[in-house]
Amino acid sequence: MRRVLVIGIGAGDPGHVTMQAVAALNAADVFFVMDKGAAKHELVRLRREICERYIEDTSYRIVEVRDPERDRSAPDYAAAVAAWRSARAEVWEELIARELGGDGCGAFLVWGDPALYDSTIAVLGEVAARGRVAFEFEVIPGISSVQALAAAHRVALNRIGEPIEITTGRRLREKVGDGGGGDVVVMLDAGTAFDSVEDGDTEIYWGAYVGTEHEILVAGKLRDVAEEIVRLRAEARERHGWIMDVYLLRRSSRGG
């Protein structure tokens, strides 16, 4: 039976790779890498670096394939994501059938943790549901950017007796008024959704490229550091051609 491993490789530091992930890396024959274009070539390079660092048998293969484009202008967000995942499933189905023998083992190296705002598990589930290629898959957890952010700022994500919400920039903007109640971690923010928060006393712990050599960190009262974050974010995007950032919003009005 073909095997596919979904391996969380951490937020950018090769040192984030767990011993469980190292064992999984050494079990795979083929690594499937999605090429997202020249702007994000560094993400491919870092995946290669991780393989070179941790895999003992150098006979493994890396197969790069262009990732299908997602229609980011579509008015129906959910439908656009579903269409993109289906396009990915078509590509991955062909890869698994073509590149893995009857008992071969392939792997996808997932940035951060596969269970947190990543589509790999869902896409493989769609491929399996089609029934055209038989395989089983296993998920190996990784250190997420959320964990790396908290560690970099030396803060705990939750406060005593208080919940913590993890959401996206798009969802944060949809909240009414000052962004709703409670502390929140924001991921996948295509812009600066924190500017929708009206309470300037809210604290923000922001990080870009967390866990990498390009890491940028800013913390403070939102009203004091918002403009600095906007500036740093724009400069970093211009410099690298892409940006991945995450932040914790901690409301001043709550106890803990």
C-alpha atoms as a PDB file:
ATOM      1  CA  MET A   1       0.000   0.000   0.000  1.00  0.00           C
ATOM      2  CA  ARG A   2       1.266   3.473  -0.862  1.00  0.00           C
ATOM      3  CA  ARG A   3       1.924   5.737   2.121  1.00  0.00           C
ATOM      4  CA  VAL A   4       1.836   9.521   2.274  1.00  0.00           C
ATOM      5  CA  LEU A   5       3.283  11.418   5.230  1.00  0.00           C
ATOM      6  CA  VAL A   6       2.145  14.934   6.093  1.00  0.00           C
ATOM      7  CA  ILE A   7       5.072  16.314   8.070  1.00  0.00           C
ATOM      8  CA  GLY A   8       4.940  19.550  10.039  1.00  0.00           C
ATOM      9  CA  ILE A   9       8.385  21.148   9.787  1.00  0.00           C
ATOM     10  CA  GLY A  10       7.957  24.178  12.043  1.00  0.00           C
ATOM     11  CA  ALA A  11       7.740  27.894  11.465  1.00  0.00           C
ATOM     12  CA  GLY A  12      11.040  28.385   9.646  1.00  0.00           C
ATOM     13  CA  ASP A  13      13.862  27.393  11.969  1.00  0.00           C
ATOM     14  CA  PRO A  14      15.244  23.950  10.976  1.00  0.00           C
ATOM     15  CA  GLY A  15      15.691  23.417  14.715  1.00  0.00           C
ATOM     16  CA  HIS A  16      11.899  23.296  15.050  1.00  0.00           C
ATOM     17  CA  VAL A  17      11.839  19.882  13.367  1.00  0.00           C
ATOM     18  CA  THR A  18      10.880  17.289  15.986  1.00  0.00           C
ATOM     19  CA  MET A  19      12.437  13.860  16.442  1.00  0.00           C
ATOM     20  CA  GLN A  20       9.158  12.337  15.211  1.00  0.00           C
ATOM     21  CA  ALA A  21       9.415  14.461  12.068  1.00  0.00           C
ATOM     22  CA  VAL A  22      13.049  13.411  11.543  1.00  0.00           C
ATOM     23  CA  ALA A  23      11.993   9.754  11.666  1.00  0.00           C
ATOM     24  CA  ALA A  24       9.239  10.486   9.142  1.00  0.00           C
ATOM     25  CA  LEU A  25      11.655  12.328   6.855  1.00  0.00           C
ATOM     26  CA  ASN A  26      13.909   9.283   6.814  1.00  0.00           C
ATOM     27  CA  ALA A  27      10.994   6.984   5.990  1.00  0.00           C
ATOM     28  CA  ALA A  28      10.014   8.801   2.783  1.00  0.00           C
ATOM     29  CA  ASP A  29      11.282   7.988  -0.703  1.00  0.00           C
ATOM     30  CA  VAL A  30       9.814  11.026  -2.462  1.00  0.00           C
ATOM     31  CA  PHE A  31       9.064  14.560  -1.285  1.00  0.00           C
ATOM     32  CA  PHE A  32       6.362  16.541  -3.062  1.00  0.00           C
ATOM     33  CA  VAL A  33       7.048  20.283  -3.026  1.00  0.00           C
ATOM     34  CA  MET A  34       4.532  22.837  -4.255  1.00  0.00           C
ATOM     35  CA  ASP A  35       6.203  25.677  -6.163  1.00  0.00           C
ATOM     36  CA  LYS A  36       4.332  28.909  -5.437  1.00  0.00           C
ATOM     37  CA  GLY A  37       6.404  31.039  -7.800  1.00  0.00           C
ATOM     38  CA  ALA A  38       9.653  32.974  -7.691  1.00  0.00           C
ATOM     39  CA  ALA A  39       8.525  35.263  -4.858  1.00  0.00           C
ATOM     40  CA  LYS A  40       8.249  32.300  -2.466  1.00  0.00           C
ATOM     41  CA  HIS A  41      11.206  30.279  -3.746  1.00  0.00           C
ATOM     42  CA  GLU A  42      12.821  30.668  -0.321  1.00  0.00           C
ATOM     43  CA  LEU A  43      10.166  28.369   1.131  1.00  0.00           C
ATOM     44  CA  VAL A  44      11.244  25.668  -1.331  1.00  0.00           C
ATOM     45  CA  ARG A  45      14.897  26.278  -0.448  1.00  0.00           C
ATOM     46  CA  LEU A  46      14.231  25.857   3.253  1.00  0.00           C
ATOM     47  CA  ARG A  47      12.422  22.577   2.637  1.00  0.00           C
ATOM     48  CA  ARG A  48      15.447  21.332   0.702  1.00  0.00           C
ATOM     49  CA  GLU A  49      17.731  22.462   3.524  1.00  0.00           C
ATOM     50  CA  ILE A  50      15.709  20.480   6.052  1.00  0.00           C
ATOM     51  CA  CYS A  51      15.947  17.348   3.899  1.00  0.00           C
ATOM     52  CA  GLU A  52      19.710  17.774   3.505  1.00  0.00           C
ATOM     53  CA  ARG A  53      20.177  18.293   7.234  1.00  0.00           C
ATOM     54  CA  TYR A  54      18.124  15.404   8.582  1.00  0.00           C
ATOM     55  CA  ILE A  55      17.890  12.633   5.968  1.00  0.00           C
ATOM     56  CA  GLU A  56      20.660  10.044   6.151  1.00  0.00           C
ATOM     57  CA  ASP A  57      20.013   8.158   2.892  1.00  0.00           C
ATOM     58  CA  THR A  58      20.561  10.635   0.075  1.00  0.00           C
ATOM     59  CA  SER A  59      18.752   8.499  -2.513  1.00  0.00           C
ATOM     60  CA  TYR A  60      15.471  10.311  -1.826  1.00  0.00           C
ATOM     61  CA  ARG A  61      13.852  12.354  -4.594  1.00  0.00           C
ATOM     62  CA  ILE A  62      12.271  15.813  -4.533  1.00  0.00           C
ATOM     63  CA  VAL A  63       9.492  16.418  -7.032  1.00  0.00           C
ATOM     64  CA  GLU A  64       8.519  20.048  -7.525  1.00  0.00           C
ATOM     65  CA  VAL A  65       5.207  20.902  -9.136  1.00  0.00           C
ATOM     66  CA  ARG A  66       3.567  24.240  -9.778  1.00  0.00           C
ATOM     67  CA  ASP A  67       0.816  24.927  -7.276  1.00  0.00           C
ATOM     68  CA  PRO A  68      -2.536  25.741  -8.923  1.00  0.00           C
ATOM     69  CA  GLU A  69      -3.464  29.404  -8.691  1.00  0.00           C
ATOM     70  CA  ARG A  70      -6.331  30.425  -6.441  1.00  0.00           C
ATOM     71  CA  ASP A  71      -8.799  33.040  -7.654  1.00  0.00           C
ATOM     72  CA  ARG A  72      -8.368  35.705  -4.960  1.00  0.00           C
ATOM     73  CA  SER A  73     -10.772  38.106  -6.677  1.00  0.00           C
ATOM     74  CA  ALA A  74     -13.767  35.737  -6.578  1.00  0.00           C
ATOM     75  CA  PRO A  75     -16.704  37.191  -4.599  1.00  0.00           C
ATOM     76  CA  ASP A  76     -17.510  33.785  -3.060  1.00  0.00           C
ATOM     77  CA  TYR A  77     -14.478  33.055  -0.872  1.00  0.00           C
ATOM     78  CA  ALA A  78     -15.566  29.561   0.199  1.00  0.00           C
ATOM     79  CA  ALA A  79     -16.307  28.493  -3.367  1.00  0.00           C
ATOM     80  CA  ALA A  80     -12.947  29.829  -4.568  1.00  0.00           C
ATOM     81  CA  VAL A  81     -11.090  27.878  -1.877  1.00  0.00           C
ATOM     82  CA  ALA A  82     -13.062  24.715  -2.676  1.00  0.00           C
ATOM     83  CA  ALA A  83     -12.222  25.055  -6.384  1.00  0.00           C
ATOM     84  CA  TRP A  84      -8.545  25.591  -5.571  1.00  0.00           C
ATOM     85  CA  ARG A  85      -8.458  22.531  -3.332  1.00  0.00           C
ATOM     86  CA  SER A  86     -10.070  20.430  -6.051  1.00  0.00           C
ATOM     87  CA  ALA A  87      -7.458  21.648  -8.542  1.00  0.00           C
ATOM     88  CA  ARG A  88      -4.766  20.659  -6.064  1.00  0.00           C
ATOM     89  CA  ALA A  89      -6.392  17.260  -5.606  1.00  0.00           C
ATOM     90  CA  GLU A  90      -6.155  16.630  -9.357  1.00  0.00           C
ATOM     91  CA  VAL A  91      -2.427  17.402  -9.325  1.00  0.00           C
ATOM     92  CA  TRP A  92      -1.700  15.408  -6.177  1.00  0.00           C
ATOM     93  CA  GLU A  93      -3.654  12.395  -7.355  1.00  0.00           C
ATOM     94  CA  GLU A  94      -1.457  12.239 -10.463  1.00  0.00           C
ATOM     95  CA  LEU A  95       1.702  12.713  -8.390  1.00  0.00           C
ATOM     96  CA  ILE A  96       0.873   9.892  -5.981  1.00  0.00           C
ATOM     97  CA  ALA A  97      -0.063   7.521  -8.798  1.00  0.00           C
ATOM     98  CA  ARG A  98       2.958   8.392 -10.948  1.00  0.00           C
ATOM     99  CA  GLU A  99       5.732   8.853  -8.400  1.00  0.00           C
ATOM    100  CA  LEU A 100       4.955   6.177  -5.802  1.00  0.00           C
ATOM    101  CA  GLY A 101       5.190   2.462  -6.464  1.00  0.00           C
ATOM    102  CA  GLY A 102       2.812  -0.007  -4.885  1.00  0.00           C
ATOM    103  CA  ASP A 103       4.572   0.227  -1.527  1.00  0.00           C
ATOM    104  CA  GLY A 104       6.267   3.629  -1.943  1.00  0.00           C
ATOM    105  CA  CYS A 105       6.280   6.358   0.669  1.00  0.00           C
ATOM    106  CA  GLY A 106       5.859  10.021  -0.251  1.00  0.00           C
ATOM    107  CA  ALA A 107       5.755  13.125   1.919  1.00  0.00           C
ATOM    108  CA  PHE A 108       4.486  16.680   1.959  1.00  0.00           C
ATOM    109  CA  LEU A 109       6.491  19.065   4.153  1.00  0.00           C
ATOM    110  CA  VAL A 110       4.039  21.484   5.729  1.00  0.00           C
ATOM    111  CA  TRP A 111       5.060  24.878   7.051  1.00  0.00           C
ATOM    112  CA  GLY A 112       4.154  25.101  10.746  1.00  0.00           C
ATOM    113  CA  ASP A 113       1.579  22.550  11.854  1.00  0.00           C
ATOM    114  CA  PRO A 114      -0.619  20.635   9.360  1.00  0.00           C
ATOM    115  CA  ALA A 115      -3.700  20.965  11.573  1.00  0.00           C
ATOM    116  CA  LEU A 116      -3.735  24.782  11.727  1.00  0.00           C
ATOM    117  CA  TYR A 117      -4.910  26.732   8.665  1.00  0.00           C
ATOM    118  CA  ASP A 118      -3.340  24.361   6.155  1.00  0.00           C
ATOM    119  CA  SER A 119      -5.132  22.554   3.327  1.00  0.00           C
ATOM    120  CA  THR A 120      -2.906  19.477   2.953  1.00  0.00           C
ATOM    121  CA  ILE A 121      -5.025  17.138   5.080  1.00  0.00           C
ATOM    122  CA  ALA A 122      -8.264  18.226   3.376  1.00  0.00           C
ATOM    123  CA  VAL A 123      -6.803  17.876  -0.130  1.00  0.00           C
ATOM    124  CA  LEU A 124      -5.449  14.391   0.572  1.00  0.00           C
ATOM    125  CA  GLY A 125      -8.841  13.477   1.984  1.00  0.00           C
ATOM    126  CA  GLU A 126     -10.433  14.570  -1.287  1.00  0.00           C
ATOM    127  CA  VAL A 127      -7.928  12.520  -3.275  1.00  0.00           C
ATOM    128  CA  ALA A 128      -8.642   9.454  -1.124  1.00  0.00           C
ATOM    129  CA  ALA A 129     -12.415   9.938  -1.456  1.00  0.00           C
ATOM    130  CA  ARG A 130     -12.178   9.805  -5.249  1.00  0.00           C
ATOM    131  CA  GLY A 131     -10.920   6.234  -4.965  1.00  0.00           C
ATOM    132  CA  ARG A 132      -8.778   6.361  -8.110  1.00  0.00           C
ATOM    133  CA  VAL A 133      -5.494   5.776  -6.294  1.00  0.00           C
ATOM    134  CA  ALA A 134      -5.164   3.735  -3.108  1.00  0.00           C
ATOM    135  CA  PHE A 135      -2.994   5.067  -0.297  1.00  0.00           C
ATOM    136  CA  GLU A 136      -2.980   5.671   3.427  1.00  0.00           C
ATOM    137  CA  PHE A 137      -1.666   8.805   5.070  1.00  0.00           C
ATOM    138  CA  GLU A 138      -0.282   9.845   8.442  1.00  0.00           C
ATOM    139  CA  VAL A 139       0.042  13.308   9.989  1.00  0.00           C
ATOM    140  CA  ILE A 140       3.097  14.364  11.999  1.00  0.00           C
ATOM    141  CA  PRO A 141       2.487  17.576  14.001  1.00  0.00           C
ATOM    142  CA  GLY A 142       4.848  20.538  13.892  1.00  0.00           C
ATOM    143  CA  ILE A 143       5.580  23.776  15.733  1.00  0.00           C
ATOM    144  CA  SER A 144       3.155  26.408  14.479  1.00  0.00           C
ATOM    145  CA  SER A 145       3.850  30.095  13.903  1.00  0.00           C
ATOM    146  CA  VAL A 146       1.455  30.738  16.787  1.00  0.00           C
ATOM    147  CA  GLN A 147       3.692  28.823  19.195  1.00  0.00           C
ATOM    148  CA  ALA A 148       6.823  30.411  17.733  1.00  0.00           C
ATOM    149  CA  LEU A 149       5.313  33.903  18.100  1.00  0.00           C
ATOM    150  CA  ALA A 150       4.490  33.382  21.783  1.00  0.00           C
ATOM    151  CA  ALA A 151       7.960  31.993  22.456  1.00  0.00           C
ATOM    152  CA  ALA A 152       9.682  34.851  20.621  1.00  0.00           C
ATOM    153  CA  HIS A 153       7.756  37.445  22.662  1.00  0.00           C
ATOM    154  CA  ARG A 154       8.088  35.389  25.877  1.00  0.00           C
ATOM    155  CA  VAL A 155       4.342  35.454  26.563  1.00  0.00           C
ATOM    156  CA  ALA A 156       1.689  32.840  27.230  1.00  0.00           C
ATOM    157  CA  LEU A 157      -1.116  32.800  24.678  1.00  0.00           C
ATOM    158  CA  ASN A 158      -3.911  32.567  27.227  1.00  0.00           C
ATOM    159  CA  ARG A 159      -4.490  34.355  30.510  1.00  0.00           C
ATOM    160  CA  ILE A 160      -5.792  32.764  33.704  1.00  0.00           C
ATOM    161  CA  GLY A 161      -9.352  31.571  33.215  1.00  0.00           C
ATOM    162  CA  GLU A 162      -9.611  33.262  29.810  1.00  0.00           C
ATOM    163  CA  PRO A 163     -10.102  31.770  26.343  1.00  0.00           C
ATOM    164  CA  ILE A 164      -7.996  32.500  23.297  1.00  0.00           C
ATOM    165  CA  GLU A 165      -9.410  32.636  19.783  1.00  0.00           C
ATOM    166  CA  ILE A 166      -7.404  31.834  16.661  1.00  0.00           C
ATOM    167  CA  THR A 167      -8.814  33.418  13.523  1.00  0.00           C
ATOM    168  CA  THR A 168      -7.910  35.063  10.223  1.00  0.00           C
ATOM    169  CA  GLY A 169      -7.524  38.690   9.243  1.00  0.00           C
ATOM    170  CA  ARG A 170     -10.641  38.469   7.089  1.00  0.00           C
ATOM    171  CA  ARG A 171     -12.697  37.153  10.021  1.00  0.00           C
ATOM    172  CA  LEU A 172     -11.319  39.784  12.384  1.00  0.00           C
ATOM    173  CA  ARG A 173     -12.529  42.537  10.053  1.00  0.00           C
ATOM    174  CA  GLU A 174     -15.980  40.972   9.973  1.00  0.00           C
ATOM    175  CA  LYS A 175     -16.339  41.357  13.723  1.00  0.00           C
ATOM    176  CA  VAL A 176     -18.370  44.301  14.964  1.00  0.00           C
ATOM    177  CA  GLY A 177     -16.866  47.405  16.545  1.00  0.00           C
ATOM    178  CA  ASP A 178     -13.595  46.781  18.336  1.00  0.00           C
ATOM    179  CA  GLY A 179     -13.107  43.213  17.097  1.00  0.00           C
ATOM    180  CA  GLY A 180     -15.264  41.380  19.614  1.00  0.00           C
ATOM    181  CA  GLY A 181     -14.480  40.151  23.102  1.00  0.00           C
ATOM    182  CA  GLY A 182     -11.476  38.224  24.294  1.00  0.00           C
ATOM    183  CA  ASP A 183      -7.893  37.836  23.223  1.00  0.00           C
ATOM    184  CA  VAL A 184      -7.236  36.677  19.682  1.00  0.00           C
ATOM    185  CA  VAL A 185      -4.412  35.337  17.542  1.00  0.00           C
ATOM    186  CA  VAL A 186      -4.675  36.448  13.924  1.00  0.00           C
ATOM    187  CA  MET A 187      -3.214  34.461  11.034  1.00  0.00           C
ATOM    188  CA  LEU A 188      -3.487  34.742   7.246  1.00  0.00           C
ATOM    189  CA  ASP A 189      -3.935  38.504   7.368  1.00  0.00           C
ATOM    190  CA  ALA A 190      -3.524  39.741   3.799  1.00  0.00           C
ATOM    191  CA  GLY A 191      -3.553  43.310   5.063  1.00  0.00           C
ATOM    192  CA  THR A 192      -3.536  44.946   8.478  1.00  0.00           C
ATOM    193  CA  ALA A 193      -6.817  43.853  10.007  1.00  0.00           C
ATOM    194  CA  PHE A 194      -5.724  45.080  13.432  1.00  0.00           C
ATOM    195  CA  ASP A 195      -6.661  48.572  12.243  1.00  0.00           C
ATOM    196  CA  SER A 196     -10.298  47.515  12.728  1.00  0.00           C
ATOM    197  CA  VAL A 197      -9.735  47.373  16.500  1.00  0.00           C
ATOM    198  CA  GLU A 198     -10.942  50.608  18.058  1.00  0.00           C
ATOM    199  CA  ASP A 199      -9.529  50.076  21.555  1.00  0.00           C
ATOM    200  CA  GLY A 200      -6.067  51.623  21.318  1.00  0.00           C
ATOM    201  CA  ASP A 201      -5.131  50.194  24.725  1.00  0.00           C
ATOM    202  CA  THR A 202      -5.242  46.687  23.272  1.00  0.00           C
ATOM    203  CA  GLU A 203      -1.761  45.204  23.240  1.00  0.00           C
ATOM    204  CA  ILE A 204      -0.349  43.612  20.099  1.00  0.00           C
ATOM    205  CA  TYR A 205       2.440  41.074  19.838  1.00  0.00           C
ATOM    206  CA  TRP A 206       3.333  40.964  16.150  1.00  0.00           C
ATOM    207  CA  GLY A 207       5.854  38.907  14.228  1.00  0.00           C
ATOM    208  CA  ALA A 208       6.786  38.398  10.587  1.00  0.00           C
ATOM    209  CA  TYR A 209       8.860  35.516   9.189  1.00  0.00           C
ATOM    210  CA  VAL A 210       8.793  34.104  12.722  1.00  0.00           C
ATOM    211  CA  GLY A 211      11.445  31.463  13.248  1.00  0.00           C
ATOM    212  CA  THR A 212      13.516  32.466  10.219  1.00  0.00           C
ATOM    213  CA  GLU A 213      16.638  34.572   9.800  1.00  0.00           C
ATOM    214  CA  HIS A 214      14.383  37.432   8.638  1.00  0.00           C
ATOM    215  CA  GLU A 215      12.251  37.474  11.802  1.00  0.00           C
ATOM    216  CA  ILE A 216      10.788  40.854  12.782  1.00  0.00           C
ATOM    217  CA  LEU A 217       9.068  41.399  16.139  1.00  0.00           C
ATOM    218  CA  VAL A 218       7.097  44.350  17.508  1.00  0.00           C
ATOM    219  CA  ALA A 219       5.085  44.563  20.737  1.00  0.00           C
ATOM    220  CA  GLY A 220       3.242  47.327  22.567  1.00  0.00           C
ATOM    221  CA  LYS A 221      -0.004  49.232  22.818  1.00  0.00           C
ATOM    222  CA  LEU A 222      -1.775  49.068  19.488  1.00  0.00           C
ATOM    223  CA  ARG A 223      -2.143  52.836  19.309  1.00  0.00           C
ATOM    224  CA  ASP A 224       1.631  53.256  19.827  1.00  0.00           C
ATOM    225  CA  VAL A 225       2.995  50.649  17.407  1.00  0.00           C
ATOM    226  CA  ALA A 226       0.350  50.195  14.690  1.00  0.00           C
ATOM    227  CA  GLU A 227       1.988  52.642  12.292  1.00  0.00           C
ATOM    228  CA  GLU A 228       5.404  51.057  12.857  1.00  0.00           C
ATOM    229  CA  ILE A 229       4.021  47.604  12.054  1.00  0.00           C
ATOM    230  CA  VAL A 230       2.370  48.888   8.871  1.00  0.00           C
ATOM    231  CA  ARG A 231       5.668  50.448   7.787  1.00  0.00           C
ATOM    232  CA  LEU A 232       7.805  47.411   8.636  1.00  0.00           C
ATOM    233  CA  ARG A 233       5.330  45.106   6.950  1.00  0.00           C
ATOM    234  CA  ALA A 234       5.352  47.120   3.713  1.00  0.00           C
ATOM    235  CA  GLU A 235       9.148  47.342   3.698  1.00  0.00           C
ATOM    236  CA  ALA A 236       9.520  43.606   4.319  1.00  0.00           C
ATOM    237  CA  ARG A 237       7.075  42.693   1.570  1.00  0.00           C
ATOM    238  CA  GLU A 238       8.928  44.961  -0.844  1.00  0.00           C
ATOM    239  CA  ARG A 239      12.272  43.460   0.156  1.00  0.00           C
ATOM    240  CA  HIS A 240      11.290  39.768   0.018  1.00  0.00           C
ATOM    241  CA  GLY A 241       8.364  39.787  -2.412  1.00  0.00           C
ATOM    242  CA  TRP A 242       6.122  38.018   0.111  1.00  0.00           C
ATOM    243  CA  ILE A 243       5.298  38.120   3.814  1.00  0.00           C
ATOM    244  CA  MET A 244       3.963  35.734   6.429  1.00  0.00           C
ATOM    245  CA  ASP A 245       3.002  37.350   9.712  1.00  0.00           C
ATOM    246  CA  VAL A 246       0.970  36.493  12.789  1.00  0.00           C
ATOM    247  CA  TYR A 247      -0.034  38.448  15.871  1.00  0.00           C
ATOM    248  CA  LEU A 248      -1.705  38.253  19.248  1.00  0.00           C
ATOM    249  CA  LEU A 249      -4.201  40.943  20.267  1.00  0.00           C
ATOM    250  CA  ARG A 250      -4.579  41.198  24.051  1.00  0.00           C
ATOM    251  CA  ARG A 251      -7.424  43.348  25.251  1.00  0.00           C
ATOM    252  CA  SER A 252      -6.574  45.656  28.138  1.00  0.00           C
ATOM    253  CA  SER A 253     -10.098  45.544  29.564  1.00  0.00           C
ATOM    254  CA  ARG A 254      -9.958  41.867  30.529  1.00  0.00           C
ATOM    255  CA  GLY A 255      -8.512  40.456  33.691  1.00  0.00           C
ATOM    256  CA  GLY A 256      -5.784  37.830  34.152  1.00  0.00           C
END
